[in-house]
Amino acid sequence: MKNKSITVCTVLVENSPQALPLGAACIASSIKTLSSDFTDVKVNLVDFNLEQKLSVEQVTNILLSQNSYIYCFSIFVWNKELLSEVAKNLKKTDCICIAGGPEVTANPKSFLDFDFVISGEGEVVTKNLIKRILNNDIPTEKIFYGKRESLENLTSPYLDKTLNPKKYDGALWELARGCPFKCSYCYESKGDKKVEYFSLDRIKEELDLFVKNDIKQIFVLDPTYNVDKNRAVEIINYIHKHAKNIFFHFECRAEFLNVELAKAFSKINCSLQIGLQSASEEVLKTVNRSFNKKDFIKKISILNDYGIIFGFDLIYGLPKDNYEGFKNSIDFAISLYPNHIELFCLSVLPGTALFDDANKLSLSYELQPPYHVIESDTFSKLEIEKSRKISIACNLFYSQGRAVTWFNSLMHLLKMKPSNFFEKFVLFLEDKKLLDKEFCNHKEIEKLQIEFVNQILFERNLSKYFILTKDIIMLNGALTRSYSDGENTELSLSYHPDDLMSEYSQDLKFFLSNAQKFSCKVLVNNNSIKFVNKSNNC
């Protein structure tokens, strides 16, 4: 016989501070408010992640051990198939299964194997459905549609202890819901273009909790954080005053950046992620995005002026784009000195405007998650695969390789576009059978960088620059590891570290012609450089 407990469950994409069961926790937090009417009901939050490689049977057995009467599932692209099979197994017992989440909202009728289906924002509608079930008022309808509720009425899963950020060594911090834009590939493309904000009192109380729990990093959930500049600055100022030891990840729109915001961001530990998607105004029009290249360059230059860490998102497979267009977007992005670039294949998500217009736009795509584009009338299957490979190369060499400080200088010396460089790096990786290998250790990536740079300098009769470029790569790599990982590195250099870190190293030809060699050993630690020994061999 089942007890009256309720289990809210999800499967996360990975085990990381960025993968947190926030959506499921919001549902569990809302259900907990029923305790005044149902004192014997217990609410459990259970989460798994794909890295655990659990089978359907294993997940089923773990959930069965909860001995719950009602199971609520938060379903995303990556866990749809797994949780659907788990629910089928659970329904063989005396329990009720409810499906909700982005995948369900996109196509609720495809989840009718569940007892009940929640489409839309789920806190209030799920709570009301469960209240009816517990009162033995079992609904005859299966699909329920949740609407945007006043955020003032929603409970915080952090403040009521439903979700413990310490468990994940990080937090997802939801500041707002909704988006004023309608990018056609996004779930918000059919939204009402309204943004609602959680109260500043709640936000500050949550941040105080994160500080108290010694959380190291926070991912801010507000895709257009800087649209309301005054509010954005007020929150940053509160962070600066109360959370100086936490690193924050923001999503921002470039068109709303200005000097005031840049000054504020520069006072805290943070990085900004900016959705570029493509450098083509015509391509972006097809997915309902506006883009002014001159203004974009101007706004990003402000970030560089203030030394702010930032990255770009790029998408391949967009309607009316092609492989050469994607390469041009990579070249444009890297010319602006981002610290990293995230490159994605376009997904035609059910429930989006792009999904509705896919045939009109000649998009062929996968019918099952992750719904990636297969080809279009301008982007062939072969070009999609080439884009996948160059994305891997760019991510490995530039982003994971932490190459921002010296990469454009190398391109200038080689007289190469970044995209052409990455194409050659693809061939290098394929020859070593390393293209699809996952690299987690920066030193391992650095060795590949040095080996490949040596090879390409030799091919271009520029081998005399190898010792210099090797010094620059190793010294910058050691400094980034010291800063981000607290690692100590001892290096043997051929040039003085002060020279290698000077503005003159940005012009490799000038540097080699004018700098004196200075053989030395240095220790890089605590983001500083100390000599172990030195000898001027001029």
Protein backbone atom coordinates (compact mmCIF):
# COMPACT_ATOMS: atom_id res chain seq x y z
CA MET A 1 0.00 0.00 0.00
CA LYS A 2 1.42 3.38 -1.02
CA ASN A 3 1.77 6.17 1.51
CA LYS A 4 0.66 9.70 0.71
CA SER A 5 4.14 11.01 -0.09
CA ILE A 6 4.86 12.87 -3.32
CA THR A 7 8.13 12.55 -5.23
CA VAL A 8 9.28 15.19 -7.71
CA CYS A 9 11.95 13.80 -10.01
CA THR A 10 14.22 14.86 -12.87
CA VAL A 11 17.38 13.73 -14.65
CA LEU A 12 20.04 16.41 -15.12
CA VAL A 13 22.29 16.57 -18.15
CA GLU A 14 25.51 16.33 -16.12
CA ASN A 15 27.02 16.47 -12.68
CA SER A 16 28.10 20.09 -12.35
CA PRO A 17 27.28 23.32 -10.47
CA GLN A 18 25.39 24.46 -13.56
CA ALA A 19 23.14 21.37 -13.57
CA LEU A 20 20.72 21.88 -10.73
CA PRO A 21 17.12 20.56 -10.43
CA LEU A 22 15.71 24.08 -10.04
CA GLY A 23 12.55 23.51 -12.08
CA ALA A 24 11.69 20.34 -10.18
CA ALA A 25 12.53 22.09 -6.89
CA CYS A 26 10.14 24.94 -7.70
CA ILE A 27 7.35 22.38 -8.18
CA ALA A 28 8.24 20.57 -4.95
CA SER A 29 8.40 23.87 -3.07
CA SER A 30 4.94 24.82 -4.28
CA ILE A 31 3.46 21.42 -3.37
CA LYS A 32 4.89 21.77 0.14
CA THR A 33 2.46 24.62 0.79
CA LEU A 34 -0.33 22.02 0.88
CA SER A 35 1.00 20.83 4.23
CA SER A 36 -1.51 22.97 6.13
CA ASP A 37 -4.34 20.95 4.54
CA PHE A 38 -2.58 17.57 4.37
CA THR A 39 -0.34 17.21 7.39
CA ASP A 40 0.53 13.58 6.63
CA VAL A 41 1.89 14.30 3.15
CA LYS A 42 5.65 14.35 2.62
CA VAL A 43 7.27 15.89 -0.49
CA ASN A 44 10.57 14.45 -1.78
CA LEU A 45 12.90 15.89 -4.41
CA VAL A 46 14.97 13.24 -6.25
CA ASP A 47 17.42 14.00 -9.05
CA PHE A 48 19.81 11.94 -11.18
CA ASN A 49 22.22 12.90 -13.95
CA LEU A 50 23.16 11.34 -17.26
CA GLU A 51 26.78 10.88 -16.19
CA GLN A 52 25.60 8.22 -13.73
CA LYS A 53 24.56 6.11 -16.75
CA LEU A 54 21.63 4.62 -14.84
CA SER A 55 19.28 2.27 -16.68
CA VAL A 56 15.50 2.63 -16.80
CA GLU A 57 15.25 -0.25 -14.31
CA GLN A 58 17.72 1.35 -11.89
CA VAL A 59 15.92 4.71 -11.88
CA THR A 60 12.58 2.90 -11.52
CA ASN A 61 13.78 0.93 -8.50
CA ILE A 62 15.19 4.01 -6.78
CA LEU A 63 11.89 5.83 -7.23
CA LEU A 64 9.88 2.81 -6.11
CA SER A 65 11.88 2.85 -2.88
CA GLN A 66 10.26 6.22 -2.15
CA ASN A 67 6.95 4.31 -1.92
CA SER A 68 5.13 7.43 -3.11
CA TYR A 69 1.53 7.82 -4.22
CA ILE A 70 2.27 10.59 -6.75
CA TYR A 71 5.36 11.03 -8.96
CA CYS A 72 5.95 14.32 -10.80
CA PHE A 73 8.51 14.36 -13.61
CA SER A 74 10.36 17.43 -14.90
CA ILE A 75 11.08 16.53 -18.52
CA PHE A 76 13.67 18.08 -20.83
CA VAL A 77 15.11 17.22 -24.25
CA TRP A 78 17.87 15.07 -22.75
CA ASN A 79 15.74 13.01 -20.34
CA LYS A 80 12.48 12.60 -22.25
CA GLU A 81 12.98 9.01 -23.38
CA LEU A 82 14.40 7.79 -20.07
CA LEU A 83 11.71 9.30 -17.86
CA SER A 84 8.90 8.24 -20.18
CA GLU A 85 10.02 4.63 -19.83
CA VAL A 86 10.42 5.00 -16.07
CA ALA A 87 6.87 6.31 -15.80
CA LYS A 88 5.55 3.31 -17.75
CA ASN A 89 7.19 1.03 -15.20
CA LEU A 90 5.87 2.99 -12.23
CA LYS A 91 2.33 2.95 -13.58
CA LYS A 92 2.31 -0.83 -13.22
CA THR A 93 2.10 -0.17 -9.49
CA ASP A 94 -0.54 1.71 -7.50
CA CYS A 95 0.65 5.27 -8.17
CA ILE A 96 -0.06 8.38 -10.28
CA CYS A 97 2.47 9.86 -12.72
CA ILE A 98 2.39 13.53 -13.75
CA ALA A 99 4.55 14.96 -16.56
CA GLY A 100 5.68 18.58 -16.82
CA GLY A 101 8.61 20.65 -18.02
CA PRO A 102 9.75 22.26 -21.31
CA GLU A 103 9.35 19.12 -23.45
CA VAL A 104 5.80 18.59 -22.19
CA THR A 105 4.87 22.23 -22.69
CA ALA A 106 6.08 22.03 -26.27
CA ASN A 107 3.89 19.03 -27.17
CA PRO A 108 1.59 17.95 -24.29
CA LYS A 109 -0.41 15.49 -26.39
CA SER A 110 2.67 13.34 -26.92
CA PHE A 111 2.76 12.55 -23.18
CA LEU A 112 -0.69 11.00 -22.78
CA ASP A 113 0.89 7.79 -21.46
CA PHE A 114 1.19 9.69 -18.18
CA ASP A 115 -1.84 9.99 -15.92
CA PHE A 116 -1.77 13.78 -16.11
CA VAL A 117 0.12 16.35 -18.16
CA ILE A 118 1.07 19.90 -17.17
CA SER A 119 1.77 22.36 -19.99
CA GLY A 120 3.22 25.76 -19.12
CA GLU A 121 4.46 27.11 -15.80
CA GLY A 122 3.69 24.38 -13.34
CA GLU A 123 3.89 25.54 -9.73
CA VAL A 124 0.27 26.56 -9.15
CA VAL A 125 -1.50 24.23 -11.58
CA THR A 126 0.42 21.18 -10.31
CA LYS A 127 -0.30 22.06 -6.69
CA ASN A 128 -4.03 22.45 -7.45
CA LEU A 129 -4.13 19.16 -9.36
CA ILE A 130 -2.46 17.30 -6.51
CA LYS A 131 -4.85 18.89 -4.02
CA ARG A 132 -7.77 17.46 -6.00
CA ILE A 133 -6.14 14.04 -6.18
CA LEU A 134 -5.50 13.97 -2.42
CA ASN A 135 -9.14 14.94 -1.87
CA ASN A 136 -10.18 11.96 -4.06
CA ASP A 137 -11.53 14.38 -6.67
CA ILE A 138 -9.74 12.67 -9.55
CA PRO A 139 -10.06 14.79 -12.74
CA THR A 140 -11.34 13.19 -15.94
CA GLU A 141 -9.28 15.53 -18.15
CA LYS A 142 -5.59 14.70 -18.64
CA ILE A 143 -3.98 17.93 -19.84
CA PHE A 144 -3.77 21.02 -17.64
CA TYR A 145 -2.41 24.37 -18.79
CA GLY A 146 -0.44 26.55 -16.42
CA LYS A 147 -0.33 30.30 -16.88
CA ARG A 148 2.17 32.89 -15.69
CA GLU A 149 1.34 33.57 -12.06
CA SER A 150 2.42 36.60 -10.06
CA LEU A 151 5.97 35.83 -9.03
CA GLU A 152 5.26 37.42 -5.66
CA ASN A 153 3.06 34.41 -4.81
CA LEU A 154 5.70 31.76 -5.55
CA THR A 155 7.83 30.24 -2.83
CA SER A 156 11.61 30.04 -3.07
CA PRO A 157 12.97 26.47 -3.11
CA TYR A 158 16.20 27.80 -1.59
CA LEU A 159 14.62 29.75 1.25
CA ASP A 160 12.27 26.90 2.25
CA LYS A 161 15.20 24.43 2.11
CA THR A 162 13.73 22.30 -0.69
CA LEU A 163 17.00 22.78 -2.56
CA ASN A 164 20.40 22.79 -0.90
CA PRO A 165 22.94 24.55 -3.17
CA LYS A 166 25.81 23.11 -1.12
CA LYS A 167 25.03 19.70 -2.60
CA TYR A 168 25.86 20.99 -6.09
CA ASP A 169 28.66 23.44 -5.17
CA GLY A 170 26.79 26.16 -7.03
CA ALA A 171 23.40 27.70 -7.62
CA LEU A 172 21.01 28.60 -10.41
CA TRP A 173 19.64 32.00 -9.41
CA GLU A 174 16.32 32.86 -11.04
CA LEU A 175 15.81 36.62 -11.19
CA ALA A 176 13.06 36.86 -13.79
CA ARG A 177 10.78 34.96 -16.14
CA GLY A 178 9.83 35.73 -19.70
CA CYS A 179 11.65 37.45 -22.54
CA PRO A 180 10.87 40.63 -24.51
CA PHE A 181 12.21 39.03 -27.70
CA LYS A 182 10.87 36.29 -29.96
CA CYS A 183 13.83 34.39 -31.39
CA SER A 184 12.07 31.67 -33.36
CA TYR A 185 14.27 28.77 -32.18
CA CYS A 186 13.51 29.50 -28.51
CA TYR A 187 10.60 28.29 -26.38
CA GLU A 188 9.83 31.96 -25.71
CA SER A 189 9.14 32.54 -29.43
CA LYS A 190 5.41 32.12 -28.83
CA GLY A 191 5.41 34.00 -25.54
CA ASP A 192 3.75 37.32 -24.79
CA LYS A 193 7.05 39.26 -24.77
CA LYS A 194 6.52 40.17 -21.11
CA VAL A 195 9.18 39.98 -18.45
CA GLU A 196 8.24 39.54 -14.80
CA TYR A 197 10.77 40.01 -12.04
CA PHE A 198 11.15 38.35 -8.68
CA SER A 199 11.18 40.91 -5.89
CA LEU A 200 14.48 42.44 -4.90
CA ASP A 201 13.76 41.43 -1.30
CA ARG A 202 13.59 37.75 -2.29
CA ILE A 203 16.65 38.06 -4.53
CA LYS A 204 18.74 39.65 -1.77
CA GLU A 205 17.57 37.08 0.78
CA GLU A 206 18.57 34.24 -1.55
CA LEU A 207 21.97 35.81 -2.19
CA ASP A 208 22.55 36.17 1.55
CA LEU A 209 21.77 32.45 1.86
CA PHE A 210 24.30 31.60 -0.88
CA VAL A 211 26.95 33.66 0.89
CA LYS A 212 26.17 31.99 4.22
CA ASN A 213 26.57 28.56 2.57
CA ASP A 214 29.90 29.57 1.00
CA ILE A 215 28.70 28.94 -2.56
CA LYS A 216 31.54 29.49 -5.06
CA GLN A 217 29.66 30.21 -8.28
CA ILE A 218 26.18 31.25 -9.36
CA PHE A 219 24.55 30.98 -12.78
CA VAL A 220 22.07 33.82 -13.18
CA LEU A 221 18.82 32.79 -14.89
CA ASP A 222 17.68 35.86 -16.73
CA PRO A 223 18.37 35.69 -20.49
CA THR A 224 18.11 39.46 -20.84
CA TYR A 225 19.56 40.52 -17.51
CA ASN A 226 20.63 43.98 -18.66
CA VAL A 227 17.40 45.09 -20.38
CA ASP A 228 16.39 46.91 -17.19
CA LYS A 229 19.68 48.72 -16.60
CA ASN A 230 18.77 50.35 -13.29
CA ARG A 231 17.66 47.06 -11.75
CA ALA A 232 20.73 45.30 -13.16
CA VAL A 233 23.09 47.85 -11.62
CA GLU A 234 21.28 47.71 -8.26
CA ILE A 235 21.69 43.91 -8.09
CA ILE A 236 25.36 44.14 -9.11
CA ASN A 237 25.99 46.75 -6.41
CA TYR A 238 24.41 44.44 -3.83
CA ILE A 239 26.64 41.61 -5.06
CA HIS A 240 29.69 43.86 -4.82
CA LYS A 241 28.83 44.73 -1.23
CA HIS A 242 27.78 41.29 0.05
CA ALA A 243 29.15 38.54 -2.23
CA LYS A 244 32.68 39.45 -3.28
CA ASN A 245 33.94 35.84 -3.14
CA ILE A 246 31.31 34.36 -5.47
CA PHE A 247 31.78 34.09 -9.25
CA PHE A 248 28.68 34.97 -11.29
CA HIS A 249 27.70 33.91 -14.81
CA PHE A 250 25.31 36.31 -16.56
CA GLU A 251 23.49 36.20 -19.90
CA CYS A 252 23.32 39.61 -21.56
CA ARG A 253 22.13 41.34 -24.71
CA ALA A 254 24.91 43.30 -26.38
CA GLU A 255 22.63 46.13 -27.56
CA PHE A 256 21.84 47.09 -23.95
CA LEU A 257 25.43 47.31 -22.75
CA ASN A 258 26.85 50.70 -21.81
CA VAL A 259 29.70 52.22 -19.82
CA GLU A 260 27.69 52.35 -16.56
CA LEU A 261 26.93 48.63 -16.75
CA ALA A 262 30.50 47.77 -17.73
CA LYS A 263 31.84 49.72 -14.73
CA ALA A 264 29.44 47.85 -12.45
CA PHE A 265 30.33 44.42 -13.89
CA SER A 266 34.05 45.21 -13.55
CA LYS A 267 33.66 45.49 -9.76
CA ILE A 268 32.53 41.87 -9.26
CA ASN A 269 33.82 38.41 -10.18
CA CYS A 270 31.77 37.51 -13.24
CA SER A 271 31.58 36.52 -16.88
CA LEU A 272 28.98 37.53 -19.46
CA GLN A 273 27.54 35.20 -22.10
CA ILE A 274 26.24 37.00 -25.16
CA GLY A 275 24.06 35.41 -27.83
CA LEU A 276 25.64 36.37 -31.15
CA GLN A 277 24.36 33.21 -32.98
CA SER A 278 25.50 34.51 -36.39
CA ALA A 279 27.40 37.48 -37.81
CA SER A 280 24.97 37.72 -40.74
CA GLU A 281 22.11 40.20 -40.44
CA GLU A 282 20.19 38.37 -43.19
CA VAL A 283 20.54 34.98 -41.52
CA LEU A 284 19.43 36.36 -38.15
CA LYS A 285 16.33 37.91 -39.72
CA THR A 286 15.13 34.41 -40.63
CA VAL A 287 15.00 33.51 -36.92
CA ASN A 288 13.51 36.84 -35.84
CA ARG A 289 16.67 38.37 -34.41
CA SER A 290 17.92 41.87 -35.13
CA PHE A 291 21.62 42.62 -35.47
CA ASN A 292 23.60 45.77 -36.04
CA LYS A 293 27.21 44.75 -36.58
CA LYS A 294 28.74 48.21 -36.03
CA ASP A 295 26.83 48.71 -32.80
CA PHE A 296 27.70 45.18 -31.64
CA ILE A 297 31.43 45.85 -32.15
CA LYS A 298 31.11 49.15 -30.28
CA LYS A 299 29.34 47.56 -27.30
CA ILE A 300 31.78 44.65 -27.05
CA SER A 301 34.71 47.07 -27.15
CA ILE A 302 33.36 48.55 -23.90
CA LEU A 303 33.68 45.14 -22.24
CA ASN A 304 37.26 44.83 -23.45
CA ASP A 305 38.04 48.35 -22.22
CA TYR A 306 36.98 47.34 -18.70
CA GLY A 307 38.66 43.91 -18.78
CA ILE A 308 35.42 41.98 -18.38
CA ILE A 309 35.34 38.24 -19.10
CA PHE A 310 32.79 37.43 -21.79
CA GLY A 311 31.89 34.78 -24.34
CA PHE A 312 29.65 34.34 -27.38
CA ASP A 313 27.11 31.76 -28.49
CA LEU A 314 27.13 30.70 -32.15
CA ILE A 315 24.68 28.37 -33.93
CA TYR A 316 25.31 26.37 -37.09
CA GLY A 317 22.51 25.10 -39.30
CA LEU A 318 20.44 28.28 -39.19
CA PRO A 319 18.01 28.86 -42.09
CA LYS A 320 19.63 30.53 -45.11
CA ASP A 321 23.09 30.08 -43.58
CA ASN A 322 25.81 27.75 -44.88
CA TYR A 323 29.22 26.43 -43.89
CA GLU A 324 31.10 29.45 -45.23
CA GLY A 325 28.69 31.74 -43.42
CA PHE A 326 29.28 29.85 -40.17
CA LYS A 327 33.05 30.17 -40.69
CA ASN A 328 32.61 33.92 -41.20
CA SER A 329 30.71 34.08 -37.90
CA ILE A 330 33.57 32.32 -36.12
CA ASP A 331 36.08 34.76 -37.64
CA PHE A 332 33.98 37.77 -36.64
CA ALA A 333 33.47 36.47 -33.10
CA ILE A 334 37.16 35.80 -32.46
CA SER A 335 38.15 39.21 -33.84
CA LEU A 336 36.42 40.70 -30.77
CA TYR A 337 38.60 38.76 -28.28
CA PRO A 338 35.98 36.72 -26.40
CA ASN A 339 37.34 34.53 -23.61
CA HIS A 340 35.36 31.60 -24.97
CA ILE A 341 32.85 30.65 -27.65
CA GLU A 342 30.00 28.17 -27.28
CA LEU A 343 29.07 26.59 -30.63
CA PHE A 344 25.82 24.65 -31.09
CA CYS A 345 23.91 22.82 -33.78
CA LEU A 346 20.48 24.33 -34.34
CA SER A 347 17.69 22.39 -32.62
CA VAL A 348 14.16 22.59 -34.05
CA LEU A 349 12.35 22.36 -30.74
CA PRO A 350 8.66 21.36 -30.74
CA GLY A 351 6.55 24.25 -29.52
CA THR A 352 8.70 26.95 -31.11
CA ALA A 353 7.94 29.20 -34.08
CA LEU A 354 10.86 27.59 -35.91
CA PHE A 355 9.21 24.19 -35.53
CA ASP A 356 6.03 25.56 -37.12
CA ASP A 357 7.97 27.12 -40.01
CA ALA A 358 10.45 24.27 -40.56
CA ASN A 359 8.93 23.08 -43.83
CA LYS A 360 8.66 26.61 -45.20
CA LEU A 361 12.33 27.15 -44.32
CA SER A 362 13.34 23.80 -45.90
CA LEU A 363 14.72 22.44 -42.62
CA SER A 364 15.15 18.70 -42.19
CA TYR A 365 15.69 17.75 -38.54
CA GLU A 366 15.72 14.87 -36.08
CA LEU A 367 12.24 13.88 -34.90
CA GLN A 368 13.56 12.81 -31.50
CA PRO A 369 15.67 14.74 -28.95
CA PRO A 370 17.87 16.69 -29.37
CA TYR A 371 16.01 17.65 -32.62
CA HIS A 372 19.20 18.75 -34.40
CA VAL A 373 19.02 20.06 -37.96
CA ILE A 374 20.09 17.40 -40.46
CA GLU A 375 20.20 19.62 -43.54
CA SER A 376 18.48 22.51 -45.31
CA ASP A 377 18.37 23.94 -48.80
CA THR A 378 21.51 25.96 -48.03
CA PHE A 379 23.25 23.74 -45.44
CA SER A 380 24.01 20.21 -46.65
CA LYS A 381 24.50 17.17 -44.41
CA LEU A 382 28.20 17.27 -45.21
CA GLU A 383 28.42 20.92 -44.21
CA ILE A 384 26.57 20.24 -40.94
CA GLU A 385 29.17 17.57 -40.15
CA LYS A 386 32.03 19.90 -41.12
CA SER A 387 30.51 22.54 -38.83
CA ARG A 388 30.35 20.02 -35.99
CA LYS A 389 34.03 19.24 -36.43
CA ILE A 390 35.21 22.84 -36.66
CA SER A 391 33.12 23.60 -33.56
CA ILE A 392 34.98 20.89 -31.65
CA ALA A 393 38.31 22.27 -32.86
CA CYS A 394 37.43 25.85 -31.92
CA ASN A 395 36.20 24.83 -28.49
CA LEU A 396 39.27 22.71 -27.76
CA PHE A 397 41.99 25.01 -29.06
CA TYR A 398 40.50 28.42 -28.25
CA SER A 399 38.00 28.08 -25.38
CA GLN A 400 39.26 25.09 -23.40
CA GLY A 401 42.78 26.04 -24.45
CA ARG A 402 42.36 29.52 -22.92
CA ALA A 403 43.98 31.10 -25.96
CA VAL A 404 42.30 34.52 -26.00
CA THR A 405 45.40 36.51 -24.97
CA TRP A 406 47.61 35.32 -27.82
CA PHE A 407 45.41 33.72 -30.49
CA ASN A 408 44.81 36.76 -32.72
CA SER A 409 48.52 37.62 -32.62
CA LEU A 410 49.27 34.14 -33.94
CA MET A 411 46.66 34.53 -36.70
CA HIS A 412 48.26 37.83 -37.71
CA LEU A 413 51.66 36.17 -37.96
CA LEU A 414 50.27 33.23 -39.94
CA LYS A 415 48.09 35.52 -42.09
CA MET A 416 45.25 33.08 -41.51
CA LYS A 417 41.59 33.39 -40.65
CA PRO A 418 40.69 31.59 -37.39
CA SER A 419 38.22 29.32 -39.18
CA ASN A 420 40.87 28.13 -41.63
CA PHE A 421 43.23 27.52 -38.73
CA PHE A 422 40.57 25.41 -36.99
CA GLU A 423 39.96 23.43 -40.19
CA LYS A 424 43.62 22.44 -40.18
CA PHE A 425 43.37 21.63 -36.48
CA VAL A 426 40.48 19.27 -37.31
CA LEU A 427 42.77 17.34 -39.66
CA PHE A 428 45.49 17.29 -36.98
CA LEU A 429 43.05 15.87 -34.41
CA GLU A 430 41.63 13.33 -36.85
CA ASP A 431 45.11 12.13 -37.73
CA LYS A 432 45.72 11.49 -34.02
CA LYS A 433 42.20 10.03 -33.55
CA LEU A 434 41.50 12.69 -30.93
CA LEU A 435 38.65 14.65 -32.53
CA ASP A 436 35.89 13.22 -30.35
CA LYS A 437 37.95 12.72 -27.21
CA GLU A 438 36.90 14.69 -24.13
CA PHE A 439 39.73 16.73 -22.63
CA CYS A 440 39.46 17.92 -19.03
CA ASN A 441 43.10 18.74 -18.27
CA HIS A 442 44.36 22.08 -19.57
CA LYS A 443 48.00 20.95 -19.60
CA GLU A 444 47.04 18.13 -21.94
CA ILE A 445 45.35 20.61 -24.27
CA GLU A 446 48.36 22.93 -24.05
CA LYS A 447 50.65 20.15 -25.28
CA LEU A 448 48.40 19.72 -28.33
CA GLN A 449 48.40 23.48 -28.94
CA ILE A 450 52.19 23.63 -28.87
CA GLU A 451 52.58 20.59 -31.11
CA PHE A 452 50.11 21.91 -33.66
CA VAL A 453 51.54 25.43 -33.64
CA ASN A 454 55.00 23.97 -34.22
CA GLN A 455 53.64 22.00 -37.18
CA ILE A 456 51.85 24.91 -38.81
CA LEU A 457 54.78 27.30 -38.30
CA PHE A 458 57.04 24.76 -40.00
CA GLU A 459 54.60 24.43 -42.92
CA ARG A 460 54.70 28.21 -43.42
CA ASN A 461 58.46 28.55 -43.06
CA LEU A 462 58.02 30.42 -39.78
CA SER A 463 59.78 27.99 -37.46
CA LYS A 464 61.99 30.76 -36.08
CA TYR A 465 58.91 31.97 -34.16
CA PHE A 466 58.29 28.66 -32.41
CA ILE A 467 60.36 29.26 -29.24
CA LEU A 468 58.67 32.63 -28.76
CA THR A 469 55.13 31.33 -29.32
CA LYS A 470 55.82 28.35 -27.07
CA ASP A 471 56.96 30.70 -24.27
CA ILE A 472 53.82 32.83 -24.67
CA ILE A 473 51.49 29.81 -24.71
CA MET A 474 53.09 28.21 -21.65
CA LEU A 475 53.31 31.40 -19.58
CA ASN A 476 49.73 32.44 -20.29
CA GLY A 477 48.53 28.90 -19.68
CA ALA A 478 50.31 28.74 -16.32
CA LEU A 479 48.79 32.08 -15.28
CA THR A 480 45.25 30.98 -16.17
CA ARG A 481 45.69 27.73 -14.22
CA SER A 482 47.04 29.67 -11.26
CA TYR A 483 44.05 32.03 -11.37
CA SER A 484 41.28 29.51 -12.00
CA ASP A 485 42.64 26.29 -10.47
CA GLY A 486 45.15 27.50 -7.87
CA GLU A 487 47.84 25.44 -9.61
CA ASN A 488 51.59 26.06 -9.30
CA THR A 489 53.71 25.69 -12.44
CA GLU A 490 57.48 25.86 -12.92
CA LEU A 491 58.53 26.94 -16.42
CA SER A 492 61.75 27.20 -18.38
CA LEU A 493 61.53 30.28 -20.60
CA SER A 494 63.74 31.74 -23.31
CA TYR A 495 62.48 35.32 -22.86
CA HIS A 496 61.93 37.55 -19.86
CA PRO A 497 58.37 37.03 -18.51
CA ASP A 498 57.81 40.79 -18.29
CA ASP A 499 58.53 41.06 -22.02
CA LEU A 500 56.29 38.11 -22.81
CA MET A 501 53.43 39.74 -20.90
CA SER A 502 53.96 43.19 -22.43
CA GLU A 503 51.95 44.77 -25.22
CA TYR A 504 54.90 44.18 -27.57
CA SER A 505 54.22 40.43 -27.58
CA GLN A 506 51.00 41.17 -29.47
CA ASP A 507 53.17 41.74 -32.56
CA LEU A 508 55.27 38.59 -32.85
CA LYS A 509 57.38 39.85 -35.75
CA PHE A 510 58.28 43.06 -33.94
CA PHE A 511 58.98 41.18 -30.71
CA LEU A 512 61.34 38.66 -32.31
CA SER A 513 63.24 41.44 -34.08
CA ASN A 514 63.68 43.58 -30.97
CA ALA A 515 63.49 41.49 -27.80
CA GLN A 516 66.61 40.05 -26.20
CA LYS A 517 66.62 36.42 -25.13
CA PHE A 518 66.61 35.86 -21.39
CA SER A 519 66.85 32.22 -20.32
CA CYS A 520 65.23 31.67 -16.96
CA LYS A 521 63.16 29.41 -14.76
CA VAL A 522 60.08 30.87 -13.15
CA LEU A 523 57.45 29.68 -10.70
CA VAL A 524 53.89 30.76 -11.46
CA ASN A 525 51.65 30.66 -8.40
CA ASN A 526 48.99 32.82 -6.75
CA ASN A 527 48.64 34.56 -10.11
CA SER A 528 52.21 35.90 -9.83
CA ILE A 529 55.56 35.11 -11.46
CA LYS A 530 58.70 34.50 -9.38
CA PHE A 531 62.17 33.70 -10.65
CA VAL A 532 63.71 30.37 -9.67
CA ASN A 533 66.92 31.27 -11.48
CA LYS A 534 67.88 33.44 -14.42
CA SER A 535 70.79 34.08 -16.76
CA ASN A 536 70.91 36.71 -19.45
CA ASN A 537 72.31 34.96 -22.52
CA CYS A 538 72.42 37.99 -24.79
